[in-house]
């Protein structure tokens, strides 16, 4: 059984058609709860199911600063470093396509 909790719980009925106009904040399923976040730059026909506990940040090369030049009281520095996200389990996340 899937249940939806909505922010405000407002509904709209237009004549004989049954429409629900609301914003879904939380999707509760048999396998767990999912927080729904809308992104305007995301394709509207796709939904991404992401578990933040399965992602870790990793430092590939620590950040360091090197002095390049000095002119009077001014100094120019070069900053270099590598930082990445590491996925711990590729089966933990998913994608739903074909939404309308």
PDB file of N, CA and C in Angstrom:
ATOM      1  N   UNK A   1       0.837  -1.172   0.000  1.00  0.00           N
ATOM      2  CA  UNK A   1       0.000   0.000   0.000  1.00  0.00           C
ATOM      3  C   UNK A   1       0.885   1.240   0.000  1.00  0.00           C
ATOM      4  N   UNK A   2       0.529   2.203  -0.827  1.00  0.00           N
ATOM      5  CA  UNK A   2       1.291   3.434  -0.945  1.00  0.00           C
ATOM      6  C   UNK A   2       0.437   4.563  -0.399  1.00  0.00           C
ATOM      7  N   UNK A   3       0.997   5.353   0.480  1.00  0.00           N
ATOM      8  CA  UNK A   3       0.275   6.501   1.020  1.00  0.00           C
ATOM      9  C   UNK A   3       1.035   7.779   0.726  1.00  0.00           C
ATOM     10  N   UNK A   4       0.316   8.864   0.518  1.00  0.00           N
ATOM     11  CA  UNK A   4       0.932  10.151   0.233  1.00  0.00           C
ATOM     12  C   UNK A   4       0.537  11.136   1.314  1.00  0.00           C
ATOM     13  N   UNK A   5       1.504  11.889   1.811  1.00  0.00           N
ATOM     14  CA  UNK A   5       1.203  12.998   2.695  1.00  0.00           C
ATOM     15  C   UNK A   5       1.532  14.262   1.948  1.00  0.00           C
ATOM     16  N   UNK A   6       0.674  15.238   2.053  1.00  0.00           N
ATOM     17  CA  UNK A   6       0.817  16.445   1.251  1.00  0.00           C
ATOM     18  C   UNK A   6       0.938  17.665   2.137  1.00  0.00           C
ATOM     19  N   UNK A   7       1.658  18.659   1.612  1.00  0.00           N
ATOM     20  CA  UNK A   7       1.776  19.929   2.301  1.00  0.00           C
ATOM     21  C   UNK A   7       0.490  20.721   2.121  1.00  0.00           C
ATOM     22  N   UNK A   8      -0.252  20.916   3.169  1.00  0.00           N
ATOM     23  CA  UNK A   8      -1.491  21.683   3.094  1.00  0.00           C
ATOM     24  C   UNK A   8      -2.710  20.814   2.870  1.00  0.00           C
ATOM     25  N   UNK A   9      -2.593  19.700   2.168  1.00  0.00           N
ATOM     26  CA  UNK A   9      -3.703  18.796   1.936  1.00  0.00           C
ATOM     27  C   UNK A   9      -4.855  19.411   1.171  1.00  0.00           C
ATOM     28  N   UNK A  10      -4.603  20.283   0.233  1.00  0.00           N
ATOM     29  CA  UNK A  10      -5.658  20.923  -0.533  1.00  0.00           C
ATOM     30  C   UNK A  10      -6.047  20.059  -1.716  1.00  0.00           C
ATOM     31  N   UNK A  11      -7.331  20.031  -2.029  1.00  0.00           N
ATOM     32  CA  UNK A  11      -7.789  19.303  -3.204  1.00  0.00           C
ATOM     33  C   UNK A  11      -8.686  20.209  -4.032  1.00  0.00           C
ATOM     34  N   UNK A  12      -8.817  19.883  -5.308  1.00  0.00           N
ATOM     35  CA  UNK A  12      -9.582  20.692  -6.237  1.00  0.00           C
ATOM     36  C   UNK A  12     -10.427  19.760  -7.082  1.00  0.00           C
ATOM     37  N   UNK A  13     -11.698  20.010  -7.140  1.00  0.00           N
ATOM     38  CA  UNK A  13     -12.586  19.211  -7.984  1.00  0.00           C
ATOM     39  C   UNK A  13     -13.156  20.107  -9.060  1.00  0.00           C
ATOM     40  N   UNK A  14     -13.082  19.643 -10.303  1.00  0.00           N
ATOM     41  CA  UNK A  14     -13.588  20.394 -11.454  1.00  0.00           C
ATOM     42  C   UNK A  14     -14.712  19.593 -12.099  1.00  0.00           C
ATOM     43  N   UNK A  15     -15.939  19.933 -11.812  1.00  0.00           N
ATOM     44  CA  UNK A  15     -17.073  19.244 -12.420  1.00  0.00           C
ATOM     45  C   UNK A  15     -17.112  17.777 -12.043  1.00  0.00           C
ATOM     46  N   UNK A  16     -17.235  16.909 -13.058  1.00  0.00           N
ATOM     47  CA  UNK A  16     -17.311  15.473 -12.832  1.00  0.00           C
ATOM     48  C   UNK A  16     -15.934  14.824 -12.733  1.00  0.00           C
ATOM     49  N   UNK A  17     -14.887  15.504 -13.194  1.00  0.00           N
ATOM     50  CA  UNK A  17     -13.550  14.913 -13.133  1.00  0.00           C
ATOM     51  C   UNK A  17     -13.008  15.023 -11.706  1.00  0.00           C
ATOM     52  N   UNK A  18     -12.240  14.047 -11.317  1.00  0.00           N
ATOM     53  CA  UNK A  18     -11.656  14.031  -9.974  1.00  0.00           C
ATOM     54  C   UNK A  18     -10.186  14.367 -10.095  1.00  0.00           C
ATOM     55  N   UNK A  19      -9.832  15.571  -9.702  1.00  0.00           N
ATOM     56  CA  UNK A  19      -8.444  16.021  -9.768  1.00  0.00           C
ATOM     57  C   UNK A  19      -7.971  16.357  -8.363  1.00  0.00           C
ATOM     58  N   UNK A  20      -6.708  16.086  -8.120  1.00  0.00           N
ATOM     59  CA  UNK A  20      -6.074  16.439  -6.864  1.00  0.00           C
ATOM     60  C   UNK A  20      -4.943  17.395  -7.189  1.00  0.00           C
ATOM     61  N   UNK A  21      -5.062  18.605  -6.727  1.00  0.00           N
ATOM     62  CA  UNK A  21      -4.018  19.597  -6.966  1.00  0.00           C
ATOM     63  C   UNK A  21      -3.308  19.914  -5.678  1.00  0.00           C
ATOM     64  N   UNK A  22      -2.147  19.338  -5.481  1.00  0.00           N
ATOM     65  CA  UNK A  22      -1.409  19.535  -4.238  1.00  0.00           C
ATOM     66  C   UNK A  22       0.072  19.255  -4.470  1.00  0.00           C
ATOM     67  N   UNK A  23       0.873  19.529  -3.493  1.00  0.00           N
ATOM     68  CA  UNK A  23       2.305  19.247  -3.547  1.00  0.00           C
ATOM     69  C   UNK A  23       2.581  18.072  -2.622  1.00  0.00           C
ATOM     70  N   UNK A  24       3.232  17.049  -3.146  1.00  0.00           N
ATOM     71  CA  UNK A  24       3.552  15.866  -2.354  1.00  0.00           C
ATOM     72  C   UNK A  24       4.909  16.082  -1.688  1.00  0.00           C
ATOM     73  N   UNK A  25       4.953  15.948  -0.369  1.00  0.00           N
ATOM     74  CA  UNK A  25       6.196  16.126   0.378  1.00  0.00           C
ATOM     75  C   UNK A  25       6.862  14.804   0.730  1.00  0.00           C
ATOM     76  N   UNK A  26       6.058  13.760   0.939  1.00  0.00           N
ATOM     77  CA  UNK A  26       6.588  12.491   1.422  1.00  0.00           C
ATOM     78  C   UNK A  26       5.814  11.350   0.791  1.00  0.00           C
ATOM     79  N   UNK A  27       6.526  10.381   0.235  1.00  0.00           N
ATOM     80  CA  UNK A  27       5.932   9.189  -0.350  1.00  0.00           C
ATOM     81  C   UNK A  27       6.271   8.015   0.561  1.00  0.00           C
ATOM     82  N   UNK A  28       5.253   7.349   1.086  1.00  0.00           N
ATOM     83  CA  UNK A  28       5.445   6.234   2.009  1.00  0.00           C
ATOM     84  C   UNK A  28       5.065   4.949   1.286  1.00  0.00           C
ATOM     85  N   UNK A  29       6.022   4.017   1.158  1.00  0.00           N
ATOM     86  CA  UNK A  29       5.786   2.742   0.495  1.00  0.00           C
ATOM     87  C   UNK A  29       6.115   1.606   1.455  1.00  0.00           C
ATOM     88  N   UNK A  30       5.928   0.383   0.974  1.00  0.00           N
ATOM     89  CA  UNK A  30       6.235  -0.785   1.796  1.00  0.00           C
ATOM     90  C   UNK A  30       7.736  -0.924   2.047  1.00  0.00           C
ATOM     91  N   UNK A  31       8.566  -0.361   1.165  1.00  0.00           N
ATOM     92  CA  UNK A  31      10.018  -0.484   1.313  1.00  0.00           C
ATOM     93  C   UNK A  31      10.649   0.704   2.018  1.00  0.00           C
ATOM     94  N   UNK A  32       9.855   1.739   2.335  1.00  0.00           N
ATOM     95  CA  UNK A  32      10.411   2.873   3.045  1.00  0.00           C
ATOM     96  C   UNK A  32       9.735   4.175   2.680  1.00  0.00           C
ATOM     97  N   UNK A  33      10.235   5.261   3.230  1.00  0.00           N
ATOM     98  CA  UNK A  33       9.705   6.595   2.978  1.00  0.00           C
ATOM     99  C   UNK A  33      10.663   7.361   2.089  1.00  0.00           C
ATOM    100  N   UNK A  34      10.107   8.156   1.168  1.00  0.00           N
ATOM    101  CA  UNK A  34      10.915   8.952   0.250  1.00  0.00           C
ATOM    102  C   UNK A  34      10.479  10.402   0.325  1.00  0.00           C
ATOM    103  N   UNK A  35      11.435  11.300   0.507  1.00  0.00           N
ATOM    104  CA  UNK A  35      11.173  12.727   0.495  1.00  0.00           C
ATOM    105  C   UNK A  35      11.141  13.190  -0.962  1.00  0.00           C
ATOM    106  N   UNK A  36      10.123  13.932  -1.334  1.00  0.00           N
ATOM    107  CA  UNK A  36       9.972  14.396  -2.709  1.00  0.00           C
ATOM    108  C   UNK A  36      10.489  15.825  -2.796  1.00  0.00           C
ATOM    109  N   UNK A  37      11.461  16.035  -3.694  1.00  0.00           N
ATOM    110  CA  UNK A  37      12.036  17.355  -3.906  1.00  0.00           C
ATOM    111  C   UNK A  37      11.919  17.699  -5.385  1.00  0.00           C
ATOM    112  N   UNK A  38      11.279  18.831  -5.696  1.00  0.00           N
ATOM    113  CA  UNK A  38      11.126  19.257  -7.078  1.00  0.00           C
ATOM    114  C   UNK A  38      12.322  20.106  -7.484  1.00  0.00           C
ATOM    115  N   UNK A  39      12.852  19.830  -8.664  1.00  0.00           N
ATOM    116  CA  UNK A  39      13.972  20.592  -9.219  1.00  0.00           C
ATOM    117  C   UNK A  39      13.563  21.122 -10.587  1.00  0.00           C
ATOM    118  N   UNK A  40      13.690  22.409 -10.814  1.00  0.00           N
ATOM    119  CA  UNK A  40      13.220  22.975 -12.075  1.00  0.00           C
ATOM    120  C   UNK A  40      14.143  22.659 -13.244  1.00  0.00           C
ATOM    121  N   UNK A  41      15.372  22.248 -13.006  1.00  0.00           N
ATOM    122  CA  UNK A  41      16.299  21.919 -14.083  1.00  0.00           C
ATOM    123  C   UNK A  41      16.268  20.437 -14.432  1.00  0.00           C
ATOM    124  N   UNK A  42      15.432  19.660 -13.763  1.00  0.00           N
ATOM    125  CA  UNK A  42      15.346  18.228 -14.006  1.00  0.00           C
ATOM    126  C   UNK A  42      14.262  17.959 -15.054  1.00  0.00           C
ATOM    127  N   UNK A  43      14.444  16.906 -15.851  1.00  0.00           N
ATOM    128  CA  UNK A  43      13.451  16.502 -16.833  1.00  0.00           C
ATOM    129  C   UNK A  43      12.193  16.080 -16.090  1.00  0.00           C
ATOM    130  N   UNK A  44      11.032  16.591 -16.494  1.00  0.00           N
ATOM    131  CA  UNK A  44       9.796  16.330 -15.753  1.00  0.00           C
ATOM    132  C   UNK A  44       9.279  14.912 -15.929  1.00  0.00           C
ATOM    133  N   UNK A  45       9.794  14.158 -16.891  1.00  0.00           N
ATOM    134  CA  UNK A  45       9.336  12.783 -17.103  1.00  0.00           C
ATOM    135  C   UNK A  45      10.188  11.763 -16.351  1.00  0.00           C
ATOM    136  N   UNK A  46      11.167  12.227 -15.576  1.00  0.00           N
ATOM    137  CA  UNK A  46      12.046  11.328 -14.831  1.00  0.00           C
ATOM    138  C   UNK A  46      11.964  11.630 -13.334  1.00  0.00           C
ATOM    139  N   UNK A  47      12.066  10.596 -12.535  1.00  0.00           N
ATOM    140  CA  UNK A  47      12.171  10.743 -11.081  1.00  0.00           C
ATOM    141  C   UNK A  47      13.369   9.928 -10.625  1.00  0.00           C
ATOM    142  N   UNK A  48      14.232  10.535  -9.822  1.00  0.00           N
ATOM    143  CA  UNK A  48      15.426   9.868  -9.321  1.00  0.00           C
ATOM    144  C   UNK A  48      15.207   9.475  -7.868  1.00  0.00           C
ATOM    145  N   UNK A  49      15.498   8.241  -7.537  1.00  0.00           N
ATOM    146  CA  UNK A  49      15.378   7.728  -6.177  1.00  0.00           C
ATOM    147  C   UNK A  49      16.787   7.611  -5.615  1.00  0.00           C
ATOM    148  N   UNK A  50      17.164   8.529  -4.740  1.00  0.00           N
ATOM    149  CA  UNK A  50      18.544   8.618  -4.249  1.00  0.00           C
ATOM    150  C   UNK A  50      18.553   8.462  -2.735  1.00  0.00           C
ATOM    151  N   UNK A  51      19.406   7.578  -2.259  1.00  0.00           N
ATOM    152  CA  UNK A  51      19.609   7.376  -0.827  1.00  0.00           C
ATOM    153  C   UNK A  51      20.915   8.074  -0.437  1.00  0.00           C
ATOM    154  N   UNK A  52      20.854   9.224   0.253  1.00  0.00           N
ATOM    155  CA  UNK A  52      22.073   9.958   0.600  1.00  0.00           C
ATOM    156  C   UNK A  52      23.041   9.167   1.473  1.00  0.00           C
ATOM    157  N   UNK A  53      22.572   8.151   2.189  1.00  0.00           N
ATOM    158  CA  UNK A  53      23.452   7.355   3.043  1.00  0.00           C
ATOM    159  C   UNK A  53      24.404   6.492   2.224  1.00  0.00           C
ATOM    160  N   UNK A  54      24.131   6.323   0.941  1.00  0.00           N
ATOM    161  CA  UNK A  54      24.973   5.489   0.082  1.00  0.00           C
ATOM    162  C   UNK A  54      26.057   6.288  -0.643  1.00  0.00           C
ATOM    163  N   UNK A  55      26.180   7.564  -0.359  1.00  0.00           N
ATOM    164  CA  UNK A  55      27.179   8.417  -1.004  1.00  0.00           C
ATOM    165  C   UNK A  55      28.180   8.904   0.030  1.00  0.00           C
ATOM    166  N   UNK A  56      29.439   8.949  -0.353  1.00  0.00           N
ATOM    167  CA  UNK A  56      30.510   9.453   0.515  1.00  0.00           C
ATOM    168  C   UNK A  56      31.340  10.468  -0.276  1.00  0.00           C
ATOM    169  N   UNK A  57      31.875  11.425   0.433  1.00  0.00           N
ATOM    170  CA  UNK A  57      32.814  12.353  -0.202  1.00  0.00           C
ATOM    171  C   UNK A  57      34.218  11.792  -0.028  1.00  0.00           C
ATOM    172  N   UNK A  58      35.027  11.965  -1.053  1.00  0.00           N
ATOM    173  CA  UNK A  58      36.396  11.453  -0.976  1.00  0.00           C
ATOM    174  C   UNK A  58      37.363  12.483  -1.538  1.00  0.00           C
ATOM    175  N   UNK A  59      38.499  12.578  -0.907  1.00  0.00           N
ATOM    176  CA  UNK A  59      39.552  13.492  -1.338  1.00  0.00           C
ATOM    177  C   UNK A  59      40.569  12.678  -2.116  1.00  0.00           C
ATOM    178  N   UNK A  60      40.705  12.975  -3.412  1.00  0.00           N
ATOM    179  CA  UNK A  60      41.667  12.259  -4.253  1.00  0.00           C
ATOM    180  C   UNK A  60      43.062  12.852  -4.122  1.00  0.00           C
ATOM    181  N   UNK A  61      43.122  14.171  -4.035  1.00  0.00           N
ATOM    182  CA  UNK A  61      44.391  14.864  -3.815  1.00  0.00           C
ATOM    183  C   UNK A  61      44.110  16.032  -2.884  1.00  0.00           C
ATOM    184  N   UNK A  62      44.767  16.090  -1.733  1.00  0.00           N
ATOM    185  CA  UNK A  62      44.496  17.180  -0.789  1.00  0.00           C
ATOM    186  C   UNK A  62      44.778  18.548  -1.409  1.00  0.00           C
ATOM    187  N   UNK A  63      44.012  19.534  -0.996  1.00  0.00           N
ATOM    188  CA  UNK A  63      44.205  20.887  -1.520  1.00  0.00           C
ATOM    189  C   UNK A  63      45.505  21.469  -0.996  1.00  0.00           C
ATOM    190  N   UNK A  64      46.227  22.116  -1.896  1.00  0.00           N
ATOM    191  CA  UNK A  64      47.490  22.758  -1.524  1.00  0.00           C
ATOM    192  C   UNK A  64      47.585  24.107  -2.229  1.00  0.00           C
ATOM    193  N   UNK A  65      48.376  24.992  -1.672  1.00  0.00           N
ATOM    194  CA  UNK A  65      48.554  26.332  -2.218  1.00  0.00           C
ATOM    195  C   UNK A  65      50.039  26.565  -2.473  1.00  0.00           C
ATOM    196  N   UNK A  66      50.345  27.046  -3.672  1.00  0.00           N
ATOM    197  CA  UNK A  66      51.733  27.302  -4.070  1.00  0.00           C
ATOM    198  C   UNK A  66      51.883  28.764  -4.462  1.00  0.00           C
ATOM    199  N   UNK A  67      52.913  29.408  -3.953  1.00  0.00           N
ATOM    200  CA  UNK A  67      53.192  30.795  -4.307  1.00  0.00           C
ATOM    201  C   UNK A  67      53.757  30.859  -5.716  1.00  0.00           C
ATOM    202  N   UNK A  68      53.108  31.639  -6.593  1.00  0.00           N
ATOM    203  CA  UNK A  68      53.581  31.771  -7.966  1.00  0.00           C
ATOM    204  C   UNK A  68      54.521  32.959  -8.126  1.00  0.00           C
ATOM    205  N   UNK A  69      54.045  34.126  -7.715  1.00  0.00           N
ATOM    206  CA  UNK A  69      54.900  35.306  -7.879  1.00  0.00           C
ATOM    207  C   UNK A  69      54.571  36.327  -6.800  1.00  0.00           C
ATOM    208  N   UNK A  70      55.470  37.246  -6.653  1.00  0.00           N
ATOM    209  CA  UNK A  70      55.303  38.310  -5.695  1.00  0.00           C
ATOM    210  C   UNK A  70      55.713  39.609  -6.357  1.00  0.00           C
ATOM    211  N   UNK A  71      54.837  40.615  -6.278  1.00  0.00           N
ATOM    212  CA  UNK A  71      55.134  41.933  -6.842  1.00  0.00           C
ATOM    213  C   UNK A  71      54.788  42.975  -5.783  1.00  0.00           C
ATOM    214  N   UNK A  72      55.797  43.451  -5.089  1.00  0.00           N
ATOM    215  CA  UNK A  72      55.565  44.407  -4.013  1.00  0.00           C
ATOM    216  C   UNK A  72      54.847  43.733  -2.851  1.00  0.00           C
ATOM    217  N   UNK A  73      53.715  44.300  -2.472  1.00  0.00           N
ATOM    218  CA  UNK A  73      52.926  43.721  -1.387  1.00  0.00           C
ATOM    219  C   UNK A  73      51.929  42.673  -1.891  1.00  0.00           C
ATOM    220  N   UNK A  74      51.850  42.486  -3.203  1.00  0.00           N
ATOM    221  CA  UNK A  74      50.888  41.561  -3.793  1.00  0.00           C
ATOM    222  C   UNK A  74      51.512  40.192  -4.046  1.00  0.00           C
ATOM    223  N   UNK A  75      50.775  39.151  -3.715  1.00  0.00           N
ATOM    224  CA  UNK A  75      51.241  37.786  -3.973  1.00  0.00           C
ATOM    225  C   UNK A  75      50.180  37.034  -4.753  1.00  0.00           C
ATOM    226  N   UNK A  76      50.621  36.215  -5.710  1.00  0.00           N
ATOM    227  CA  UNK A  76      49.711  35.375  -6.481  1.00  0.00           C
ATOM    228  C   UNK A  76      49.970  33.929  -6.104  1.00  0.00           C
ATOM    229  N   UNK A  77      48.862  33.200  -5.845  1.00  0.00           N
ATOM    230  CA  UNK A  77      48.956  31.810  -5.419  1.00  0.00           C
ATOM    231  C   UNK A  77      48.217  30.910  -6.402  1.00  0.00           C
ATOM    232  N   UNK A  78      48.630  29.666  -6.457  1.00  0.00           N
ATOM    233  CA  UNK A  78      48.010  28.629  -7.262  1.00  0.00           C
ATOM    234  C   UNK A  78      47.433  27.589  -6.307  1.00  0.00           C
ATOM    235  N   UNK A  79      46.127  27.331  -6.409  1.00  0.00           N
ATOM    236  CA  UNK A  79      45.457  26.364  -5.533  1.00  0.00           C
ATOM    237  C   UNK A  79      45.048  25.162  -6.380  1.00  0.00           C
ATOM    238  N   UNK A  80      45.405  23.961  -5.914  1.00  0.00           N
ATOM    239  CA  UNK A  80      45.063  22.746  -6.645  1.00  0.00           C
ATOM    240  C   UNK A  80      44.611  21.673  -5.660  1.00  0.00           C
ATOM    241  N   UNK A  81      43.659  20.854  -6.098  1.00  0.00           N
ATOM    242  CA  UNK A  81      43.171  19.756  -5.278  1.00  0.00           C
ATOM    243  C   UNK A  81      42.111  18.983  -6.045  1.00  0.00           C
ATOM    244  N   UNK A  82      41.823  17.768  -5.614  1.00  0.00           N
ATOM    245  CA  UNK A  82      40.808  16.945  -6.269  1.00  0.00           C
ATOM    246  C   UNK A  82      39.868  16.389  -5.218  1.00  0.00           C
ATOM    247  N   UNK A  83      38.577  16.536  -5.485  1.00  0.00           N
ATOM    248  CA  UNK A  83      37.526  16.137  -4.560  1.00  0.00           C
ATOM    249  C   UNK A  83      36.449  15.427  -5.365  1.00  0.00           C
ATOM    250  N   UNK A  84      35.849  14.377  -4.833  1.00  0.00           N
ATOM    251  CA  UNK A  84      34.882  13.600  -5.608  1.00  0.00           C
ATOM    252  C   UNK A  84      33.797  13.033  -4.708  1.00  0.00           C
ATOM    253  N   UNK A  85      32.728  12.513  -5.322  1.00  0.00           N
ATOM    254  CA  UNK A  85      31.692  11.765  -4.630  1.00  0.00           C
ATOM    255  C   UNK A  85      31.845  10.295  -4.979  1.00  0.00           C
ATOM    256  N   UNK A  86      31.730   9.431  -3.994  1.00  0.00           N
ATOM    257  CA  UNK A  86      31.863   7.998  -4.209  1.00  0.00           C
ATOM    258  C   UNK A  86      30.540   7.330  -3.868  1.00  0.00           C
ATOM    259  N   UNK A  87      30.052   6.505  -4.786  1.00  0.00           N
ATOM    260  CA  UNK A  87      28.811   5.766  -4.563  1.00  0.00           C
ATOM    261  C   UNK A  87      29.154   4.414  -3.961  1.00  0.00           C
ATOM    262  N   UNK A  88      28.531   4.081  -2.827  1.00  0.00           N
ATOM    263  CA  UNK A  88      28.877   2.869  -2.106  1.00  0.00           C
ATOM    264  C   UNK A  88      28.157   1.620  -2.619  1.00  0.00           C
ATOM    265  N   UNK A  89      26.948   1.798  -3.217  1.00  0.00           N
ATOM    266  CA  UNK A  89      26.180   0.653  -3.691  1.00  0.00           C
ATOM    267  C   UNK A  89      25.281   1.114  -4.833  1.00  0.00           C
ATOM    268  N   UNK A  90      25.577   0.687  -6.052  1.00  0.00           N
ATOM    269  CA  UNK A  90      24.824   1.145  -7.218  1.00  0.00           C
ATOM    270  C   UNK A  90      23.402   0.591  -7.238  1.00  0.00           C
ATOM    271  N   UNK A  91      23.126  -0.461  -6.505  1.00  0.00           N
ATOM    272  CA  UNK A  91      21.770  -1.024  -6.453  1.00  0.00           C
ATOM    273  C   UNK A  91      20.862  -0.265  -5.481  1.00  0.00           C
ATOM    274  N   UNK A  92      21.414   0.658  -4.733  1.00  0.00           N
ATOM    275  CA  UNK A  92      20.631   1.374  -3.722  1.00  0.00           C
ATOM    276  C   UNK A  92      19.775   2.480  -4.323  1.00  0.00           C
ATOM    277  N   UNK A  93      20.156   3.042  -5.455  1.00  0.00           N
ATOM    278  CA  UNK A  93      19.435   4.142  -6.075  1.00  0.00           C
ATOM    279  C   UNK A  93      18.742   3.669  -7.347  1.00  0.00           C
ATOM    280  N   UNK A  94      17.813   4.484  -7.826  1.00  0.00           N
ATOM    281  CA  UNK A  94      17.090   4.111  -9.025  1.00  0.00           C
ATOM    282  C   UNK A  94      16.521   5.318  -9.750  1.00  0.00           C
ATOM    283  N   UNK A  95      15.856   5.040 -10.886  1.00  0.00           N
ATOM    284  CA  UNK A  95      15.256   6.090 -11.682  1.00  0.00           C
ATOM    285  C   UNK A  95      13.929   5.582 -12.241  1.00  0.00           C
ATOM    286  N   UNK A  96      12.924   6.430 -12.215  1.00  0.00           N
ATOM    287  CA  UNK A  96      11.627   6.122 -12.818  1.00  0.00           C
ATOM    288  C   UNK A  96      11.512   6.983 -14.059  1.00  0.00           C
ATOM    289  N   UNK A  97      11.206   6.374 -15.202  1.00  0.00           N
ATOM    290  CA  UNK A  97      11.059   7.119 -16.446  1.00  0.00           C
ATOM    291  C   UNK A  97       9.630   6.993 -16.959  1.00  0.00           C
ATOM    292  N   UNK A  98       9.287   7.820 -17.918  1.00  0.00           N
ATOM    293  CA  UNK A  98       7.971   7.758 -18.545  1.00  0.00           C
ATOM    294  C   UNK A  98       6.866   8.380 -17.724  1.00  0.00           C
ATOM    295  N   UNK A  99       7.194   9.315 -16.836  1.00  0.00           N
ATOM    296  CA  UNK A  99       6.168   9.986 -16.057  1.00  0.00           C
ATOM    297  C   UNK A  99       5.467  11.041 -16.912  1.00  0.00           C
ATOM    298  N   UNK A 100       4.242  11.341 -16.574  1.00  0.00           N
ATOM    299  CA  UNK A 100       3.524  12.361 -17.345  1.00  0.00           C
ATOM    300  C   UNK A 100       3.079  13.482 -16.448  1.00  0.00           C
TER     301      UNK A 100
END
